[in-house]
């Protein structure tokens, strides 16, 4: 199926140099946005024990 074709995708120079830091910053931003969300953290349903 074309094993002789080269991968034409190239990452930008230095892309992975600070990848971990950028990823952790983004996760922290998403976590802080989730805390201010209007979506409830629980589903509101419970099973009572008889």
Foldseek 3Di string as FASTA:
>chain_A
DCPVDDDPDDDDPCCPVCVVVVVVVVVVVVVVVVVVDPDDPDPPDDDDDD
